[in-house]
C-alpha cells in the first residue's frame, strides 16, 4: 500500500465531515444571498468547537501550559483582527436576516486552514517528536480563525438583537 492510501484511510471520519462542512459554508459565500443569522452562526460555532477540541487534546496530552496560554491569545488575536475588513460587512435586511455579498475569500481561507491542519496532523504522525509543537501551531490557527469569525459574527448578532428589541417596543 502506498503512503497516500495509508494516510487517507487512517484519517478520522470527523476530519472528512469537517471538510464537507467547510466546503458547504465557503461555497455558500460564492454567491450573493440572504441568510438567517442562525445559519451564519455555523462558521463561528464550528471554528470555536474545533479550536476548543484542539486545545483539549493538547491540554490532556500533557501540554497544559501551552494550551492554556495559546488558545486565549490566538482567539483574542483573531477577535481583535475583526476590524480589518477583507470582505464587505453583511447588511441587515430585517429581523434575523442579513444580505451577504459574493466573495471567494471564506472558501479560500477555510480550505487553506483545513489543509494546513490536515498537513500538520500528517507531519505529526511521521515525526512524533514534533507532535507537541505541531499541535500548538494547529491550535493557534484554529483559535485565531475562531476569534476572527466570532468578531465578524458578533456585530451582526447585536444588530439583530437591537432590531428585535425595537420591534417589541413598537408593538
C-alpha atoms as a PDB file:
ATOM      1  CA  UNK A   1       0.000   0.000   0.000  1.00  0.00           C
ATOM      2  CA  UNK A   2       1.169   3.492  -0.793  1.00  0.00           C
ATOM      3  CA  UNK A   3       1.711   6.166   1.809  1.00  0.00           C
ATOM      4  CA  UNK A   4      -1.136   8.302   0.453  1.00  0.00           C
ATOM      5  CA  UNK A   5      -3.567   5.389   0.758  1.00  0.00           C
ATOM      6  CA  UNK A   6      -2.496   4.748   4.355  1.00  0.00           C
ATOM      7  CA  UNK A   7      -2.853   8.431   5.227  1.00  0.00           C
ATOM      8  CA  UNK A   8      -6.306   8.700   3.654  1.00  0.00           C
ATOM      9  CA  UNK A   9      -7.651   5.503   5.192  1.00  0.00           C
ATOM     10  CA  UNK A  10      -6.319   6.329   8.660  1.00  0.00           C
ATOM     11  CA  UNK A  11      -7.795   9.814   8.701  1.00  0.00           C
ATOM     12  CA  UNK A  12     -10.580  10.029  11.301  1.00  0.00           C
ATOM     13  CA  UNK A  13     -14.112  10.423   9.955  1.00  0.00           C
ATOM     14  CA  UNK A  14     -14.623  13.779  11.710  1.00  0.00           C
ATOM     15  CA  UNK A  15     -11.853  15.284   9.551  1.00  0.00           C
ATOM     16  CA  UNK A  16     -13.815  14.479   6.380  1.00  0.00           C
ATOM     17  CA  UNK A  17     -17.068  15.709   7.941  1.00  0.00           C
ATOM     18  CA  UNK A  18     -15.332  18.963   8.818  1.00  0.00           C
ATOM     19  CA  UNK A  19     -14.043  19.297   5.245  1.00  0.00           C
ATOM     20  CA  UNK A  20     -17.572  18.862   3.871  1.00  0.00           C
ATOM     21  CA  UNK A  21     -18.929  21.435   6.341  1.00  0.00           C
ATOM     22  CA  UNK A  22     -16.229  23.956   5.409  1.00  0.00           C
ATOM     23  CA  UNK A  23     -16.823  23.361   1.697  1.00  0.00           C
ATOM     24  CA  UNK A  24     -20.551  23.918   2.240  1.00  0.00           C
ATOM     25  CA  UNK A  25     -20.041  27.110   4.256  1.00  0.00           C
ATOM     26  CA  UNK A  26     -17.415  28.503   1.889  1.00  0.00           C
ATOM     27  CA  UNK A  27     -19.359  27.628  -1.265  1.00  0.00           C
ATOM     28  CA  UNK A  28     -22.421  29.449   0.088  1.00  0.00           C
ATOM     29  CA  UNK A  29     -20.344  32.625   0.208  1.00  0.00           C
ATOM     30  CA  UNK A  30     -19.559  32.376  -3.516  1.00  0.00           C
ATOM     31  CA  UNK A  31     -22.878  33.919  -4.439  1.00  0.00           C
ATOM     32  CA  UNK A  32     -24.861  36.862  -3.190  1.00  0.00           C
ATOM     33  CA  UNK A  33     -27.623  35.757  -0.853  1.00  0.00           C
ATOM     34  CA  UNK A  34     -29.815  36.441   2.147  1.00  0.00           C
ATOM     35  CA  UNK A  35     -29.132  34.289   5.171  1.00  0.00           C
ATOM     36  CA  UNK A  36     -30.729  33.780   8.552  1.00  0.00           C
ATOM     37  CA  UNK A  37     -28.312  34.567  11.361  1.00  0.00           C
ATOM     38  CA  UNK A  38     -28.669  31.029  12.746  1.00  0.00           C
ATOM     39  CA  UNK A  39     -27.078  29.649   9.568  1.00  0.00           C
ATOM     40  CA  UNK A  40     -24.431  32.367   9.639  1.00  0.00           C
ATOM     41  CA  UNK A  41     -23.543  31.183  13.164  1.00  0.00           C
ATOM     42  CA  UNK A  42     -22.372  27.809  11.821  1.00  0.00           C
ATOM     43  CA  UNK A  43     -18.894  29.027  10.842  1.00  0.00           C
ATOM     44  CA  UNK A  44     -18.017  30.740  14.149  1.00  0.00           C
ATOM     45  CA  UNK A  45     -19.525  27.854  16.131  1.00  0.00           C
ATOM     46  CA  UNK A  46     -17.648  25.237  14.090  1.00  0.00           C
ATOM     47  CA  UNK A  47     -14.321  27.009  14.390  1.00  0.00           C
ATOM     48  CA  UNK A  48     -14.881  27.561  18.118  1.00  0.00           C
ATOM     49  CA  UNK A  49     -15.622  23.875  18.738  1.00  0.00           C
ATOM     50  CA  UNK A  50     -12.678  22.826  16.549  1.00  0.00           C
ATOM     51  CA  UNK A  51     -10.292  25.128  18.415  1.00  0.00           C
ATOM     52  CA  UNK A  52     -11.533  24.077  21.861  1.00  0.00           C
ATOM     53  CA  UNK A  53     -11.261  20.393  20.897  1.00  0.00           C
ATOM     54  CA  UNK A  54      -7.695  21.001  19.716  1.00  0.00           C
ATOM     55  CA  UNK A  55      -6.890  22.824  22.960  1.00  0.00           C
ATOM     56  CA  UNK A  56      -8.368  19.949  24.975  1.00  0.00           C
ATOM     57  CA  UNK A  57      -6.261  17.406  23.074  1.00  0.00           C
ATOM     58  CA  UNK A  58      -3.141  19.451  23.717  1.00  0.00           C
ATOM     59  CA  UNK A  59      -4.106  20.103  27.347  1.00  0.00           C
ATOM     60  CA  UNK A  60      -4.907  16.491  28.195  1.00  0.00           C
ATOM     61  CA  UNK A  61      -1.966  15.327  26.096  1.00  0.00           C
ATOM     62  CA  UNK A  62       0.289  16.866  28.711  1.00  0.00           C
ATOM     63  CA  UNK A  63       0.979  20.386  27.473  1.00  0.00           C
ATOM     64  CA  UNK A  64      -1.332  22.187  29.894  1.00  0.00           C
ATOM     65  CA  UNK A  65       0.577  25.476  29.955  1.00  0.00           C
ATOM     66  CA  UNK A  66       0.812  25.800  26.175  1.00  0.00           C
ATOM     67  CA  UNK A  67      -2.887  25.016  25.675  1.00  0.00           C
ATOM     68  CA  UNK A  68      -3.942  27.360  28.485  1.00  0.00           C
ATOM     69  CA  UNK A  69      -1.924  30.258  27.114  1.00  0.00           C
ATOM     70  CA  UNK A  70      -2.025  29.700  23.344  1.00  0.00           C
ATOM     71  CA  UNK A  71      -5.789  29.289  22.943  1.00  0.00           C
ATOM     72  CA  UNK A  72      -6.877  32.547  24.613  1.00  0.00           C
ATOM     73  CA  UNK A  73      -4.067  34.540  22.984  1.00  0.00           C
ATOM     74  CA  UNK A  74      -4.791  33.213  19.494  1.00  0.00           C
ATOM     75  CA  UNK A  75      -8.566  33.613  19.938  1.00  0.00           C
ATOM     76  CA  UNK A  76      -8.090  37.177  21.184  1.00  0.00           C
ATOM     77  CA  UNK A  77      -5.731  37.914  18.295  1.00  0.00           C
ATOM     78  CA  UNK A  78      -8.342  36.698  15.834  1.00  0.00           C
ATOM     79  CA  UNK A  79     -11.119  38.629  17.566  1.00  0.00           C
ATOM     80  CA  UNK A  80      -9.079  41.836  17.577  1.00  0.00           C
ATOM     81  CA  UNK A  81      -8.366  41.425  13.865  1.00  0.00           C
ATOM     82  CA  UNK A  82     -12.109  41.775  13.224  1.00  0.00           C
ATOM     83  CA  UNK A  83     -11.992  45.489  12.359  1.00  0.00           C
ATOM     84  CA  UNK A  84      -9.630  44.705   9.471  1.00  0.00           C
ATOM     85  CA  UNK A  85     -12.279  44.213   6.803  1.00  0.00           C
ATOM     86  CA  UNK A  86     -11.360  41.982   3.901  1.00  0.00           C
ATOM     87  CA  UNK A  87     -14.926  41.492   2.662  1.00  0.00           C
ATOM     88  CA  UNK A  88     -17.921  43.833   2.884  1.00  0.00           C
ATOM     89  CA  UNK A  89     -19.918  43.560   6.095  1.00  0.00           C
ATOM     90  CA  UNK A  90     -23.341  41.970   5.517  1.00  0.00           C
ATOM     91  CA  UNK A  91     -26.259  44.390   5.552  1.00  0.00           C
ATOM     92  CA  UNK A  92     -29.259  43.904   7.802  1.00  0.00           C
ATOM     93  CA  UNK A  93     -32.438  43.092   5.865  1.00  0.00           C
ATOM     94  CA  UNK A  94     -34.948  42.502   8.679  1.00  0.00           C
ATOM     95  CA  UNK A  95     -35.212  40.514  11.900  1.00  0.00           C
ATOM     96  CA  UNK A  96     -32.548  37.826  11.842  1.00  0.00           C
ATOM     97  CA  UNK A  97     -31.887  38.011   8.075  1.00  0.00           C
ATOM     98  CA  UNK A  98     -28.756  39.548   6.548  1.00  0.00           C
ATOM     99  CA  UNK A  99     -27.688  40.155   2.958  1.00  0.00           C
ATOM    100  CA  UNK A 100     -24.211  38.843   2.103  1.00  0.00           C
ATOM    101  CA  UNK A 101     -22.186  39.899  -0.927  1.00  0.00           C
ATOM    102  CA  UNK A 102     -20.485  37.238  -3.039  1.00  0.00           C
ATOM    103  CA  UNK A 103     -16.846  36.544  -2.173  1.00  0.00           C
ATOM    104  CA  UNK A 104     -14.303  33.752  -2.646  1.00  0.00           C
ATOM    105  CA  UNK A 105     -12.298  34.650   0.439  1.00  0.00           C
ATOM    106  CA  UNK A 106     -14.080  32.482   3.050  1.00  0.00           C
ATOM    107  CA  UNK A 107     -13.868  29.343   0.902  1.00  0.00           C
ATOM    108  CA  UNK A 108     -10.180  30.016   0.259  1.00  0.00           C
ATOM    109  CA  UNK A 109      -9.437  30.605   3.948  1.00  0.00           C
ATOM    110  CA  UNK A 110     -11.458  27.582   5.080  1.00  0.00           C
ATOM    111  CA  UNK A 111      -9.690  25.259   2.638  1.00  0.00           C
ATOM    112  CA  UNK A 112      -6.267  26.670   3.497  1.00  0.00           C
ATOM    113  CA  UNK A 113      -6.957  26.212   7.191  1.00  0.00           C
ATOM    114  CA  UNK A 114      -8.288  22.675   6.757  1.00  0.00           C
ATOM    115  CA  UNK A 115      -5.425  21.572   4.507  1.00  0.00           C
ATOM    116  CA  UNK A 116      -2.801  23.149   6.780  1.00  0.00           C
ATOM    117  CA  UNK A 117      -4.323  21.482   9.844  1.00  0.00           C
ATOM    118  CA  UNK A 118      -4.524  18.163   7.963  1.00  0.00           C
ATOM    119  CA  UNK A 119      -0.909  18.515   6.857  1.00  0.00           C
ATOM    120  CA  UNK A 120       0.216  19.271  10.411  1.00  0.00           C
ATOM    121  CA  UNK A 121      -1.558  16.139  11.626  1.00  0.00           C
ATOM    122  CA  UNK A 122       0.146  14.025   8.966  1.00  0.00           C
ATOM    123  CA  UNK A 123       3.507  15.571   9.791  1.00  0.00           C
ATOM    124  CA  UNK A 124       2.977  14.802  13.489  1.00  0.00           C
ATOM    125  CA  UNK A 125       2.210  11.198  12.556  1.00  0.00           C
ATOM    126  CA  UNK A 126       5.508  10.864  10.705  1.00  0.00           C
ATOM    127  CA  UNK A 127       7.578  12.816  13.244  1.00  0.00           C
ATOM    128  CA  UNK A 128       6.095  12.095  16.693  1.00  0.00           C
ATOM    129  CA  UNK A 129       8.801  14.144  18.427  1.00  0.00           C
ATOM    130  CA  UNK A 130       7.305  17.258  16.786  1.00  0.00           C
ATOM    131  CA  UNK A 131       3.690  16.421  17.660  1.00  0.00           C
ATOM    132  CA  UNK A 132       3.535  18.909  20.548  1.00  0.00           C
ATOM    133  CA  UNK A 133       4.875  21.811  18.506  1.00  0.00           C
ATOM    134  CA  UNK A 134       2.700  20.962  15.524  1.00  0.00           C
ATOM    135  CA  UNK A 135      -0.324  20.647  17.806  1.00  0.00           C
ATOM    136  CA  UNK A 136       0.411  24.098  19.187  1.00  0.00           C
ATOM    137  CA  UNK A 137       0.572  25.567  15.665  1.00  0.00           C
ATOM    138  CA  UNK A 138      -2.697  23.823  14.782  1.00  0.00           C
ATOM    139  CA  UNK A 139      -4.278  25.195  17.960  1.00  0.00           C
ATOM    140  CA  UNK A 140      -3.129  28.735  17.184  1.00  0.00           C
ATOM    141  CA  UNK A 141      -4.532  28.563  13.634  1.00  0.00           C
ATOM    142  CA  UNK A 142      -7.891  27.214  14.783  1.00  0.00           C
ATOM    143  CA  UNK A 143      -8.248  29.583  17.716  1.00  0.00           C
ATOM    144  CA  UNK A 144      -7.289  32.613  15.611  1.00  0.00           C
ATOM    145  CA  UNK A 145      -9.886  31.658  12.991  1.00  0.00           C
ATOM    146  CA  UNK A 146     -12.478  31.067  15.714  1.00  0.00           C
ATOM    147  CA  UNK A 147     -11.776  34.515  17.147  1.00  0.00           C
ATOM    148  CA  UNK A 148     -11.925  36.133  13.728  1.00  0.00           C
ATOM    149  CA  UNK A 149     -15.222  34.523  12.721  1.00  0.00           C
ATOM    150  CA  UNK A 150     -16.653  35.354  16.154  1.00  0.00           C
ATOM    151  CA  UNK A 151     -15.621  39.007  15.706  1.00  0.00           C
ATOM    152  CA  UNK A 152     -17.329  39.056  12.302  1.00  0.00           C
ATOM    153  CA  UNK A 153     -20.493  37.451  13.701  1.00  0.00           C
ATOM    154  CA  UNK A 154     -20.929  39.370  16.975  1.00  0.00           C
ATOM    155  CA  UNK A 155     -21.844  42.763  15.434  1.00  0.00           C
ATOM    156  CA  UNK A 156     -24.492  41.060  13.286  1.00  0.00           C
ATOM    157  CA  UNK A 157     -25.960  39.378  16.347  1.00  0.00           C
ATOM    158  CA  UNK A 158     -26.079  42.709  18.190  1.00  0.00           C
ATOM    159  CA  UNK A 159     -27.782  44.406  15.219  1.00  0.00           C
ATOM    160  CA  UNK A 160     -30.412  41.640  15.061  1.00  0.00           C
ATOM    161  CA  UNK A 161     -30.996  41.789  18.818  1.00  0.00           C
ATOM    162  CA  UNK A 162     -31.422  45.581  18.685  1.00  0.00           C
ATOM    163  CA  UNK A 163     -33.906  45.185  15.819  1.00  0.00           C
ATOM    164  CA  UNK A 164     -35.849  42.624  17.846  1.00  0.00           C
ATOM    165  CA  UNK A 165     -35.865  44.910  20.865  1.00  0.00           C
ATOM    166  CA  UNK A 166     -37.129  47.851  18.765  1.00  0.00           C
ATOM    167  CA  UNK A 167     -39.800  45.602  17.267  1.00  0.00           C
ATOM    168  CA  UNK A 168     -41.014  44.528  20.705  1.00  0.00           C
ATOM    169  CA  UNK A 169     -41.280  48.118  21.948  1.00  0.00           C
ATOM    170  CA  UNK A 170     -43.002  49.277  18.744  1.00  0.00           C
ATOM    171  CA  UNK A 171     -45.909  46.885  19.340  1.00  0.00           C
END
